[in-house]
PDB file of N, CA and C in Angstrom:
ATOM      1  N   MET A   1     -14.553   6.300  13.109  1.00  0.00           N
ATOM      2  CA  MET A   1     -13.548   5.742  13.003  1.00  0.00           C
ATOM      3  C   MET A   1     -14.728   3.965  11.979  1.00  0.00           C
ATOM      4  N   LEU A   2     -13.679   4.427  10.712  1.00  0.00           N
ATOM      5  CA  LEU A   2     -14.141   2.494  10.555  1.00  0.00           C
ATOM      6  C   LEU A   2     -13.575   1.681  10.609  1.00  0.00           C
ATOM      7  N   THR A   3     -14.616   0.720   9.989  1.00  0.00           N
ATOM      8  CA  THR A   3     -14.499  -0.728  10.667  1.00  0.00           C
ATOM      9  C   THR A   3     -13.545  -1.625   9.839  1.00  0.00           C
ATOM     10  N   GLU A   4     -12.768  -2.447  10.057  1.00  0.00           N
ATOM     11  CA  GLU A   4     -11.831  -3.185   9.160  1.00  0.00           C
ATOM     12  C   GLU A   4     -12.379  -3.671   8.135  1.00  0.00           C
ATOM     13  N   GLN A   5     -13.445  -4.293   8.094  1.00  0.00           N
ATOM     14  CA  GLN A   5     -14.051  -4.193   6.759  1.00  0.00           C
ATOM     15  C   GLN A   5     -13.977  -3.082   5.729  1.00  0.00           C
ATOM     16  N   GLN A   6     -14.475  -1.983   6.380  1.00  0.00           N
ATOM     17  CA  GLN A   6     -14.235  -0.840   5.680  1.00  0.00           C
ATOM     18  C   GLN A   6     -13.535  -0.737   4.959  1.00  0.00           C
ATOM     19  N   LEU A   7     -12.434  -0.916   5.831  1.00  0.00           N
ATOM     20  CA  LEU A   7     -10.662  -0.268   5.504  1.00  0.00           C
ATOM     21  C   LEU A   7     -10.218  -1.463   4.110  1.00  0.00           C
ATOM     22  N   ILE A   8     -11.065  -2.525   4.254  1.00  0.00           N
ATOM     23  CA  ILE A   8     -10.860  -3.295   3.412  1.00  0.00           C
ATOM     24  C   ILE A   8     -11.123  -3.277   2.148  1.00  0.00           C
ATOM     25  N   GLU A   9     -12.464  -2.943   1.893  1.00  0.00           N
ATOM     26  CA  GLU A   9     -13.202  -2.910   0.756  1.00  0.00           C
ATOM     27  C   GLU A   9     -12.505  -1.233   0.276  1.00  0.00           C
ATOM     28  N   ILE A  10     -12.448   0.009   0.838  1.00  0.00           N
ATOM     29  CA  ILE A  10     -11.440   1.107   0.298  1.00  0.00           C
ATOM     30  C   ILE A  10     -10.274   0.237  -0.459  1.00  0.00           C
ATOM     31  N   ALA A  11      -9.463  -0.472   0.371  1.00  0.00           N
ATOM     32  CA  ALA A  11      -8.078  -0.913  -0.507  1.00  0.00           C
ATOM     33  C   ALA A  11      -8.728  -1.940  -1.682  1.00  0.00           C
ATOM     34  N   LYS A  12      -9.603  -2.869  -1.692  1.00  0.00           N
ATOM     35  CA  LYS A  12      -9.629  -3.520  -2.743  1.00  0.00           C
ATOM     36  C   LYS A  12     -10.192  -2.428  -3.923  1.00  0.00           C
ATOM     37  N   LYS A  13     -11.208  -1.455  -3.497  1.00  0.00           N
ATOM     38  CA  LYS A  13     -11.288  -0.395  -5.012  1.00  0.00           C
ATOM     39  C   LYS A  13     -10.347   0.231  -5.392  1.00  0.00           C
ATOM     40  N   HIS A  14      -9.166   0.475  -4.650  1.00  0.00           N
ATOM     41  CA  HIS A  14      -7.876   1.061  -4.754  1.00  0.00           C
ATOM     42  C   HIS A  14      -7.301   0.060  -5.759  1.00  0.00           C
ATOM     43  N   VAL A  15      -7.191  -1.126  -5.866  1.00  0.00           N
ATOM     44  CA  VAL A  15      -6.059  -2.066  -5.752  1.00  0.00           C
ATOM     45  C   VAL A  15      -6.836  -2.202  -7.633  1.00  0.00           C
ATOM     46  N   LYS A  16      -8.065  -2.219  -7.215  1.00  0.00           N
ATOM     47  CA  LYS A  16      -9.025  -2.732  -8.534  1.00  0.00           C
ATOM     48  C   LYS A  16      -8.951  -1.520  -9.413  1.00  0.00           C
ATOM     49  N   GLU A  17      -8.629  -0.426  -9.115  1.00  0.00           N
ATOM     50  CA  GLU A  17      -8.695   0.576  -9.940  1.00  0.00           C
ATOM     51  C   GLU A  17      -7.230   0.761 -10.821  1.00  0.00           C
ATOM     52  N   ARG A  18      -6.347   0.746  -9.866  1.00  0.00           N
ATOM     53  CA  ARG A  18      -4.778   0.291 -10.570  1.00  0.00           C
ATOM     54  C   ARG A  18      -4.936  -0.693 -11.205  1.00  0.00           C
ATOM     55  N   SER A  19      -5.465  -1.336 -11.162  1.00  0.00           N
ATOM     56  CA  SER A  19      -5.793  -3.162 -11.653  1.00  0.00           C
ATOM     57  C   SER A  19      -6.321  -2.545 -13.414  1.00  0.00           C
ATOM     58  N   GLU A  20      -7.126  -2.168 -13.361  1.00  0.00           N
ATOM     59  CA  GLU A  20      -8.152  -1.634 -14.698  1.00  0.00           C
ATOM     60  C   GLU A  20      -7.119  -0.630 -15.540  1.00  0.00           C
ATOM     61  N   LYS A  21      -6.866   0.192 -14.943  1.00  0.00           N
ATOM     62  CA  LYS A  21      -5.418   1.445 -15.310  1.00  0.00           C
ATOM     63  C   LYS A  21      -4.552   0.757 -16.427  1.00  0.00           C
ATOM     64  N   SER A  22      -3.880  -0.053 -15.196  1.00  0.00           N
ATOM     65  CA  SER A  22      -2.916  -1.061 -15.885  1.00  0.00           C
ATOM     66  C   SER A  22      -3.198  -2.509 -16.782  1.00  0.00           C
ATOM     67  N   GLY A  23      -3.843  -2.836 -16.917  1.00  0.00           N
ATOM     68  CA  GLY A  23      -4.501  -3.981 -17.167  1.00  0.00           C
ATOM     69  C   GLY A  23      -3.934  -5.081 -16.833  1.00  0.00           C
ATOM     70  N   LEU A  24      -3.552  -4.884 -15.761  1.00  0.00           N
ATOM     71  CA  LEU A  24      -3.018  -6.414 -14.809  1.00  0.00           C
ATOM     72  C   LEU A  24      -4.213  -6.712 -14.189  1.00  0.00           C
ATOM     73  N   ASP A  25      -3.746  -8.042 -13.490  1.00  0.00           N
ATOM     74  CA  ASP A  25      -4.551  -8.906 -12.325  1.00  0.00           C
ATOM     75  C   ASP A  25      -3.719  -8.296 -11.373  1.00  0.00           C
ATOM     76  N   LEU A  26      -4.688  -7.296 -10.403  1.00  0.00           N
ATOM     77  CA  LEU A  26      -4.173  -7.168  -9.320  1.00  0.00           C
ATOM     78  C   LEU A  26      -5.073  -7.470  -8.251  1.00  0.00           C
ATOM     79  N   VAL A  27      -4.088  -7.879  -6.795  1.00  0.00           N
ATOM     80  CA  VAL A  27      -5.116  -8.145  -5.788  1.00  0.00           C
ATOM     81  C   VAL A  27      -3.754  -7.898  -4.533  1.00  0.00           C
ATOM     82  N   ILE A  28      -4.931  -7.886  -3.986  1.00  0.00           N
ATOM     83  CA  ILE A  28      -3.741  -7.538  -2.167  1.00  0.00           C
ATOM     84  C   ILE A  28      -3.371  -9.038  -1.546  1.00  0.00           C
ATOM     85  N   LEU A  29      -2.512  -8.644  -1.510  1.00  0.00           N
ATOM     86  CA  LEU A  29      -1.790 -10.111  -0.572  1.00  0.00           C
ATOM     87  C   LEU A  29      -1.572  -9.998   0.630  1.00  0.00           C
ATOM     88  N   GLU A  30      -2.927 -10.632   0.723  1.00  0.00           N
ATOM     89  CA  GLU A  30      -3.575 -10.710   2.330  1.00  0.00           C
ATOM     90  C   GLU A  30      -2.829 -10.891   3.193  1.00  0.00           C
ATOM     91  N   ASP A  31      -2.125 -11.778   3.054  1.00  0.00           N
ATOM     92  CA  ASP A  31      -1.407 -12.292   4.206  1.00  0.00           C
ATOM     93  C   ASP A  31      -0.004 -11.432   4.813  1.00  0.00           C
ATOM     94  N   ARG A  32       0.002 -10.063   3.865  1.00  0.00           N
ATOM     95  CA  ARG A  32       1.111  -9.438   4.334  1.00  0.00           C
ATOM     96  C   ARG A  32       0.497  -8.072   4.558  1.00  0.00           C
ATOM     97  N   CYS A  33      -0.589  -8.092   5.168  1.00  0.00           N
ATOM     98  CA  CYS A  33      -1.419  -6.998   5.609  1.00  0.00           C
ATOM     99  C   CYS A  33      -0.685  -6.320   6.868  1.00  0.00           C
ATOM    100  N   VAL A  34      -0.828  -5.319   7.493  1.00  0.00           N
ATOM    101  CA  VAL A  34       0.049  -4.875   8.750  1.00  0.00           C
ATOM    102  C   VAL A  34      -1.213  -4.092   9.440  1.00  0.00           C
ATOM    103  N   LYS A  35      -2.152  -4.849  10.325  1.00  0.00           N
ATOM    104  CA  LYS A  35      -3.347  -3.979  11.277  1.00  0.00           C
ATOM    105  C   LYS A  35      -1.906  -3.221  12.332  1.00  0.00           C
ATOM    106  N   LYS A  36      -2.886  -1.796  12.405  1.00  0.00           N
ATOM    107  CA  LYS A  36      -1.853  -1.099  13.510  1.00  0.00           C
ATOM    108  C   LYS A  36      -3.171  -0.534  13.723  1.00  0.00           C
ATOM    109  N   SER A  37      -2.681   0.385  14.902  1.00  0.00           N
ATOM    110  CA  SER A  37      -3.829   1.042  15.629  1.00  0.00           C
ATOM    111  C   SER A  37      -4.526   2.562  14.760  1.00  0.00           C
ATOM    112  N   TYR A  38      -3.921   3.042  13.838  1.00  0.00           N
ATOM    113  CA  TYR A  38      -4.228   3.753  13.021  1.00  0.00           C
ATOM    114  C   TYR A  38      -4.880   3.265  11.761  1.00  0.00           C
ATOM    115  N   GLY A  39      -4.725   1.980  11.149  1.00  0.00           N
ATOM    116  CA  GLY A  39      -5.224   2.235   9.986  1.00  0.00           C
ATOM    117  C   GLY A  39      -4.998   0.352   9.901  1.00  0.00           C
ATOM    118  N   ILE A  40      -4.912   0.127   8.597  1.00  0.00           N
ATOM    119  CA  ILE A  40      -4.314  -1.015   8.267  1.00  0.00           C
ATOM    120  C   ILE A  40      -3.377  -0.604   7.083  1.00  0.00           C
ATOM    121  N   ILE A  41      -2.496  -1.701   6.479  1.00  0.00           N
ATOM    122  CA  ILE A  41      -1.026  -1.468   5.678  1.00  0.00           C
ATOM    123  C   ILE A  41      -1.214  -2.547   4.725  1.00  0.00           C
ATOM    124  N   PHE A  42      -1.753  -2.117   3.776  1.00  0.00           N
ATOM    125  CA  PHE A  42      -1.621  -3.399   2.349  1.00  0.00           C
ATOM    126  C   PHE A  42      -0.387  -3.092   1.500  1.00  0.00           C
ATOM    127  N   ARG A  43      -0.346  -4.742   1.306  1.00  0.00           N
ATOM    128  CA  ARG A  43       0.433  -4.481  -0.623  1.00  0.00           C
ATOM    129  C   ARG A  43      -0.200  -5.205  -1.125  1.00  0.00           C
ATOM    130  N   TYR A  44       0.044  -5.193  -2.747  1.00  0.00           N
ATOM    131  CA  TYR A  44      -0.778  -5.980  -3.816  1.00  0.00           C
ATOM    132  C   TYR A  44       0.310  -6.106  -4.473  1.00  0.00           C
ATOM    133  N   ASN A  45       0.062  -7.183  -5.624  1.00  0.00           N
ATOM    134  CA  ASN A  45       1.041  -7.199  -6.387  1.00  0.00           C
ATOM    135  C   ASN A  45      -0.027  -7.973  -7.638  1.00  0.00           C
ATOM    136  N   THR A  46       0.174  -9.020  -8.685  1.00  0.00           N
ATOM    137  CA  THR A  46      -0.208  -9.740  -9.680  1.00  0.00           C
ATOM    138  C   THR A  46      -0.449 -11.098  -8.940  1.00  0.00           C
ATOM    139  N   GLU A  47      -1.993 -11.311  -9.374  1.00  0.00           N
ATOM    140  CA  GLU A  47      -2.982 -12.626  -9.061  1.00  0.00           C
ATOM    141  C   GLU A  47      -1.702 -13.667  -9.604  1.00  0.00           C
ATOM    142  N   LYS A  48      -0.701 -13.723 -10.320  1.00  0.00           N
ATOM    143  CA  LYS A  48       0.012 -14.786 -10.853  1.00  0.00           C
ATOM    144  C   LYS A  48       1.099 -15.009  -9.529  1.00  0.00           C
ATOM    145  N   TYR A  49       1.534 -13.681  -9.040  1.00  0.00           N
ATOM    146  CA  TYR A  49       2.788 -13.655  -7.947  1.00  0.00           C
ATOM    147  C   TYR A  49       1.824 -14.674  -6.686  1.00  0.00           C
ATOM    148  N   ASN A  50       0.561 -13.537  -6.757  1.00  0.00           N
ATOM    149  CA  ASN A  50      -0.219 -14.028  -5.331  1.00  0.00           C
ATOM    150  C   ASN A  50      -0.038 -15.938  -5.398  1.00  0.00           C
ATOM    151  N   THR A  51      -0.418 -16.351  -6.307  1.00  0.00           N
ATOM    152  CA  THR A  51      -0.758 -17.387  -6.362  1.00  0.00           C
ATOM    153  C   THR A  51       0.759 -18.358  -6.509  1.00  0.00           C
ATOM    154  N   THR A  52       1.423 -18.318  -7.051  1.00  0.00           N
ATOM    155  CA  THR A  52       2.761 -18.787  -7.134  1.00  0.00           C
ATOM    156  C   THR A  52       3.952 -18.377  -5.503  1.00  0.00           C
ATOM    157  N   ARG A  53       3.766 -17.034  -5.584  1.00  0.00           N
ATOM    158  CA  ARG A  53       5.282 -16.581  -4.618  1.00  0.00           C
ATOM    159  C   ARG A  53       6.290 -17.117  -5.401  1.00  0.00           C
ATOM    160  N   ASN A  54       6.592 -17.250  -6.473  1.00  0.00           N
ATOM    161  CA  ASN A  54       8.172 -17.711  -7.125  1.00  0.00           C
ATOM    162  C   ASN A  54       8.391 -16.057  -7.601  1.00  0.00           C
ATOM    163  N   ASP A  55       9.640 -15.730  -7.029  1.00  0.00           N
ATOM    164  CA  ASP A  55       9.983 -14.754  -7.301  1.00  0.00           C
ATOM    165  C   ASP A  55      10.163 -14.179  -8.437  1.00  0.00           C
ATOM    166  N   ASP A  56      10.629 -15.051  -9.561  1.00  0.00           N
ATOM    167  CA  ASP A  56      10.152 -14.850 -11.268  1.00  0.00           C
ATOM    168  C   ASP A  56       8.988 -14.424 -11.997  1.00  0.00           C
ATOM    169  N   ASP A  57       7.930 -14.424 -10.686  1.00  0.00           N
ATOM    170  CA  ASP A  57       6.532 -14.102 -11.186  1.00  0.00           C
ATOM    171  C   ASP A  57       6.392 -12.511 -10.807  1.00  0.00           C
ATOM    172  N   ASN A  58       7.398 -11.893  -9.796  1.00  0.00           N
ATOM    173  CA  ASN A  58       7.407 -10.809  -9.122  1.00  0.00           C
ATOM    174  C   ASN A  58       7.752  -9.739 -10.432  1.00  0.00           C
ATOM    175  N   THR A  59       7.100  -9.503 -11.295  1.00  0.00           N
ATOM    176  CA  THR A  59       7.650  -8.758 -12.402  1.00  0.00           C
ATOM    177  C   THR A  59       6.826  -7.026 -11.845  1.00  0.00           C
ATOM    178  N   LEU A  60       6.063  -6.779 -10.905  1.00  0.00           N
ATOM    179  CA  LEU A  60       5.359  -5.774 -10.935  1.00  0.00           C
ATOM    180  C   LEU A  60       6.012  -4.474 -10.530  1.00  0.00           C
ATOM    181  N   LEU A  61       6.379  -3.548 -11.157  1.00  0.00           N
ATOM    182  CA  LEU A  61       7.154  -2.154 -10.375  1.00  0.00           C
ATOM    183  C   LEU A  61       5.988  -0.705 -10.356  1.00  0.00           C
ATOM    184  N   GLY A  62       6.628  -0.605  -9.284  1.00  0.00           N
ATOM    185  CA  GLY A  62       5.509   0.284  -8.509  1.00  0.00           C
ATOM    186  C   GLY A  62       4.299   0.130  -7.736  1.00  0.00           C
ATOM    187  N   ASN A  63       4.518  -1.056  -7.352  1.00  0.00           N
ATOM    188  CA  ASN A  63       3.296  -1.205  -6.339  1.00  0.00           C
ATOM    189  C   ASN A  63       3.776  -0.787  -5.258  1.00  0.00           C
ATOM    190  N   ALA A  64       3.971   0.342  -4.604  1.00  0.00           N
ATOM    191  CA  ALA A  64       4.080   0.718  -3.560  1.00  0.00           C
ATOM    192  C   ALA A  64       2.638   0.446  -2.271  1.00  0.00           C
ATOM    193  N   PRO A  65       3.430  -0.383  -1.262  1.00  0.00           N
ATOM    194  CA  PRO A  65       2.555  -0.277   0.111  1.00  0.00           C
ATOM    195  C   PRO A  65       1.719   0.533   0.243  1.00  0.00           C
ATOM    196  N   PHE A  66       0.269   0.602   1.063  1.00  0.00           N
ATOM    197  CA  PHE A  66      -0.031   1.941   1.362  1.00  0.00           C
ATOM    198  C   PHE A  66      -1.302   1.476   2.676  1.00  0.00           C
ATOM    199  N   ILE A  67      -1.267   2.550   3.316  1.00  0.00           N
ATOM    200  CA  ILE A  67      -2.321   2.687   4.483  1.00  0.00           C
ATOM    201  C   ILE A  67      -3.936   3.076   4.251  1.00  0.00           C
ATOM    202  N   VAL A  68      -4.681   2.711   4.601  1.00  0.00           N
ATOM    203  CA  VAL A  68      -5.951   3.183   4.723  1.00  0.00           C
ATOM    204  C   VAL A  68      -6.295   3.292   6.124  1.00  0.00           C
ATOM    205  N   GLU A  69      -6.155   4.677   6.658  1.00  0.00           N
ATOM    206  CA  GLU A  69      -6.571   5.102   7.725  1.00  0.00           C
ATOM    207  C   GLU A  69      -7.543   5.142   8.564  1.00  0.00           C
ATOM    208  N   ASN A  70      -7.976   4.534   9.537  1.00  0.00           N
ATOM    209  CA  ASN A  70      -9.209   4.435  10.107  1.00  0.00           C
ATOM    210  C   ASN A  70     -10.217   5.050  10.259  1.00  0.00           C
ATOM    211  N   SER A  71      -9.483   6.652  10.836  1.00  0.00           N
ATOM    212  CA  SER A  71     -10.576   7.601  10.838  1.00  0.00           C
ATOM    213  C   SER A  71     -11.024   8.294   9.856  1.00  0.00           C
ATOM    214  N   ASN A  72     -10.544   8.174   8.686  1.00  0.00           N
ATOM    215  CA  ASN A  72     -10.910   8.950   7.945  1.00  0.00           C
ATOM    216  C   ASN A  72     -11.341   8.147   6.178  1.00  0.00           C
ATOM    217  N   GLY A  73     -10.531   7.128   6.211  1.00  0.00           N
ATOM    218  CA  GLY A  73     -10.659   6.208   4.858  1.00  0.00           C
ATOM    219  C   GLY A  73      -9.468   6.426   4.053  1.00  0.00           C
ATOM    220  N   LYS A  74      -8.500   7.317   4.360  1.00  0.00           N
ATOM    221  CA  LYS A  74      -7.742   8.349   3.267  1.00  0.00           C
ATOM    222  C   LYS A  74      -6.609   7.128   2.932  1.00  0.00           C
ATOM    223  N   ILE A  75      -6.003   7.275   1.819  1.00  0.00           N
ATOM    224  CA  ILE A  75      -5.121   6.063   1.256  1.00  0.00           C
ATOM    225  C   ILE A  75      -3.406   7.200   1.403  1.00  0.00           C
ATOM    226  N   VAL A  76      -2.652   6.580   2.154  1.00  0.00           N
ATOM    227  CA  VAL A  76      -1.369   7.153   1.858  1.00  0.00           C
ATOM    228  C   VAL A  76      -0.711   6.382   1.659  1.00  0.00           C
ATOM    229  N   LEU A  77       0.143   6.472   0.347  1.00  0.00           N
ATOM    230  CA  LEU A  77       1.186   5.637  -0.345  1.00  0.00           C
ATOM    231  C   LEU A  77       2.378   5.791   0.650  1.00  0.00           C
ATOM    232  N   PHE A  78       2.865   4.713   0.598  1.00  0.00           N
ATOM    233  CA  PHE A  78       4.468   4.431   0.570  1.00  0.00           C
ATOM    234  C   PHE A  78       5.377   4.704  -0.388  1.00  0.00           C
ATOM    235  N   GLY A  79       6.366   4.426  -0.139  1.00  0.00           N
ATOM    236  CA  GLY A  79       7.759   4.252  -1.192  1.00  0.00           C
ATOM    237  C   GLY A  79       7.982   2.806  -1.681  1.00  0.00           C
ATOM    238  N   THR A  80       8.722   2.563  -2.799  1.00  0.00           N
ATOM    239  CA  THR A  80       9.065   1.505  -2.701  1.00  0.00           C
ATOM    240  C   THR A  80      10.613   1.652  -2.544  1.00  0.00           C
ATOM    241  N   GLY A  81      11.363   2.544  -2.587  1.00  0.00           N
ATOM    242  CA  GLY A  81      12.879   2.481  -2.533  1.00  0.00           C
ATOM    243  C   GLY A  81      13.273   1.780  -1.082  1.00  0.00           C
ATOM    244  N   ARG A  82      12.634   1.644  -0.110  1.00  0.00           N
ATOM    245  CA  ARG A  82      13.307   1.495   1.092  1.00  0.00           C
ATOM    246  C   ARG A  82      12.348  -0.053   1.959  1.00  0.00           C
ATOM    247  N   GLU A  83      12.682  -0.785   2.921  1.00  0.00           N
ATOM    248  CA  GLU A  83      11.964  -1.515   3.141  1.00  0.00           C
ATOM    249  C   GLU A  83      10.791  -1.158   3.994  1.00  0.00           C
ATOM    250  N   ILE A  84       9.737  -1.940   3.881  1.00  0.00           N
ATOM    251  CA  ILE A  84       8.087  -1.100   4.231  1.00  0.00           C
ATOM    252  C   ILE A  84       8.513  -0.509   5.686  1.00  0.00           C
ATOM    253  N   GLU A  85       9.172  -0.991   6.687  1.00  0.00           N
ATOM    254  CA  GLU A  85       9.406  -0.674   8.373  1.00  0.00           C
ATOM    255  C   GLU A  85       9.798   0.660   8.547  1.00  0.00           C
ATOM    256  N   TYR A  86      10.924   1.353   7.389  1.00  0.00           N
ATOM    257  CA  TYR A  86      10.770   2.685   7.285  1.00  0.00           C
ATOM    258  C   TYR A  86       9.777   3.542   6.916  1.00  0.00           C
ATOM    259  N   TYR A  87       9.113   3.200   6.189  1.00  0.00           N
ATOM    260  CA  TYR A  87       7.738   4.122   6.090  1.00  0.00           C
ATOM    261  C   TYR A  87       7.039   4.042   6.882  1.00  0.00           C
ATOM    262  N   ILE A  88       7.055   3.363   7.734  1.00  0.00           N
ATOM    263  CA  ILE A  88       6.005   2.627   8.658  1.00  0.00           C
ATOM    264  C   ILE A  88       6.444   3.564   9.819  1.00  0.00           C
ATOM    265  N   LYS A  89       7.516   3.480  10.229  1.00  0.00           N
ATOM    266  CA  LYS A  89       8.395   4.644  11.446  1.00  0.00           C
ATOM    267  C   LYS A  89       8.327   5.735  11.216  1.00  0.00           C
ATOM    268  N   GLU A  90       8.432   6.176   9.503  1.00  0.00           N
ATOM    269  CA  GLU A  90       8.175   7.693   9.424  1.00  0.00           C
ATOM    270  C   GLU A  90       7.025   8.091   9.596  1.00  0.00           C
ATOM    271  N   TYR A  91       6.062   7.402   9.063  1.00  0.00           N
ATOM    272  CA  TYR A  91       4.460   7.669   8.918  1.00  0.00           C
ATOM    273  C   TYR A  91       4.130   7.815  10.566  1.00  0.00           C
ATOM    274  N   GLU A  92       4.616   6.433  11.383  1.00  0.00           N
ATOM    275  CA  GLU A  92       4.040   6.971  12.999  1.00  0.00           C
ATOM    276  C   GLU A  92       4.753   8.385  13.174  1.00  0.00           C
ATOM    277  N   ALA A  93       5.849   9.008  12.853  1.00  0.00           N
ATOM    278  CA  ALA A  93       6.768   9.896  13.344  1.00  0.00           C
ATOM    279  C   ALA A  93       6.296  10.979  13.207  1.00  0.00           C
ATOM    280  N   GLY A  94       5.077  10.906  12.052  1.00  0.00           N
ATOM    281  CA  GLY A  94       4.184  12.310  11.458  1.00  0.00           C
ATOM    282  C   GLY A  94       5.247  12.803   9.966  1.00  0.00           C
ATOM    283  N   LYS A  95       6.528  12.098   9.676  1.00  0.00           N
ATOM    284  CA  LYS A  95       7.373  12.520   8.885  1.00  0.00           C
ATOM    285  C   LYS A  95       6.711  12.214   7.598  1.00  0.00           C
ATOM    286  N   TRP A  96       6.238  11.226   7.380  1.00  0.00           N
ATOM    287  CA  TRP A  96       5.591  10.753   5.634  1.00  0.00           C
ATOM    288  C   TRP A  96       4.111  10.798   6.057  1.00  0.00           C
ATOM    289  N   PRO A  97       3.540  11.308   4.769  1.00  0.00           N
ATOM    290  CA  PRO A  97       3.994  11.729   3.559  1.00  0.00           C
ATOM    291  C   PRO A  97       4.823  13.031   3.162  1.00  0.00           C
ATOM    292  N   ASN A  98       4.586  13.828   4.539  1.00  0.00           N
ATOM    293  CA  ASN A  98       5.375  15.019   4.479  1.00  0.00           C
ATOM    294  C   ASN A  98       6.304  15.347   4.822  1.00  0.00           C
ATOM    295  N   MET A  99       7.402  14.599   4.400  1.00  0.00           N
ATOM    296  CA  MET A  99       8.895  14.818   4.118  1.00  0.00           C
ATOM    297  C   MET A  99       9.404  15.788   2.871  1.00  0.00           C
ATOM    298  N   PRO A 100      10.284  16.903   3.297  1.00  0.00           N
ATOM    299  CA  PRO A 100      10.690  17.534   2.176  1.00  0.00           C
ATOM    300  C   PRO A 100      11.224  16.576   0.965  1.00  0.00           C
ATOM    301  N   ARG A 101      10.976  17.283  -0.440  1.00  0.00           N
ATOM    302  CA  ARG A 101      11.504  16.670  -1.662  1.00  0.00           C
ATOM    303  C   ARG A 101      12.623  17.254  -2.200  1.00  0.00           C
ATOM    304  N   LEU A 102      13.235  16.904  -3.033  1.00  0.00           N
ATOM    305  CA  LEU A 102      14.251  17.978  -3.624  1.00  0.00           C
ATOM    306  C   LEU A 102      13.630  19.263  -4.098  1.00  0.00           C
ATOM    307  N   SER A 103      12.170  18.710  -4.589  1.00  0.00           N
ATOM    308  CA  SER A 103      12.170  19.879  -5.521  1.00  0.00           C
ATOM    309  C   SER A 103      11.174  20.884  -4.509  1.00  0.00           C
ATOM    310  N   ASP A 104      11.274  20.991  -3.170  1.00  0.00           N
ATOM    311  CA  ASP A 104      11.264  22.117  -2.277  1.00  0.00           C
ATOM    312  C   ASP A 104      12.117  22.776  -1.908  1.00  0.00           C
ATOM    313  N   PHE A 105      13.617  22.360  -2.714  1.00  0.00           N
ATOM    314  CA  PHE A 105      14.633  23.203  -2.398  1.00  0.00           C
ATOM    315  C   PHE A 105      14.890  23.831  -3.490  1.00  0.00           C
ATOM    316  N   GLU A 106      14.377  23.931  -4.381  1.00  0.00           N
ATOM    317  CA  GLU A 106      14.588  24.306  -5.460  1.00  0.00           C
ATOM    318  C   GLU A 106      13.967  26.048  -5.785  1.00  0.00           C
TER     319      GLU A 106
END
């Protein structure tokens, strides 16, 4: 079982890698983390949005929330098409990320 600090470090590394690939200054939105018994759910955005919290600065697309599981440090990405509560419910029911995709039926 990983500690909370280890989960945070894994999340920071993940966001840093995304930041380097995109060329954007991305940061974890620390006040929007959700602690669960199985890990921590993180959200991230640009430093500018984190500082201003102005919706006009919220121009980042594809910044899906993600879980870092405390049992193994695995990162599980959520989607962006629905509210986070949907993805949490699906994950807790064992359906996410193993949901059938359209390509599964082709």
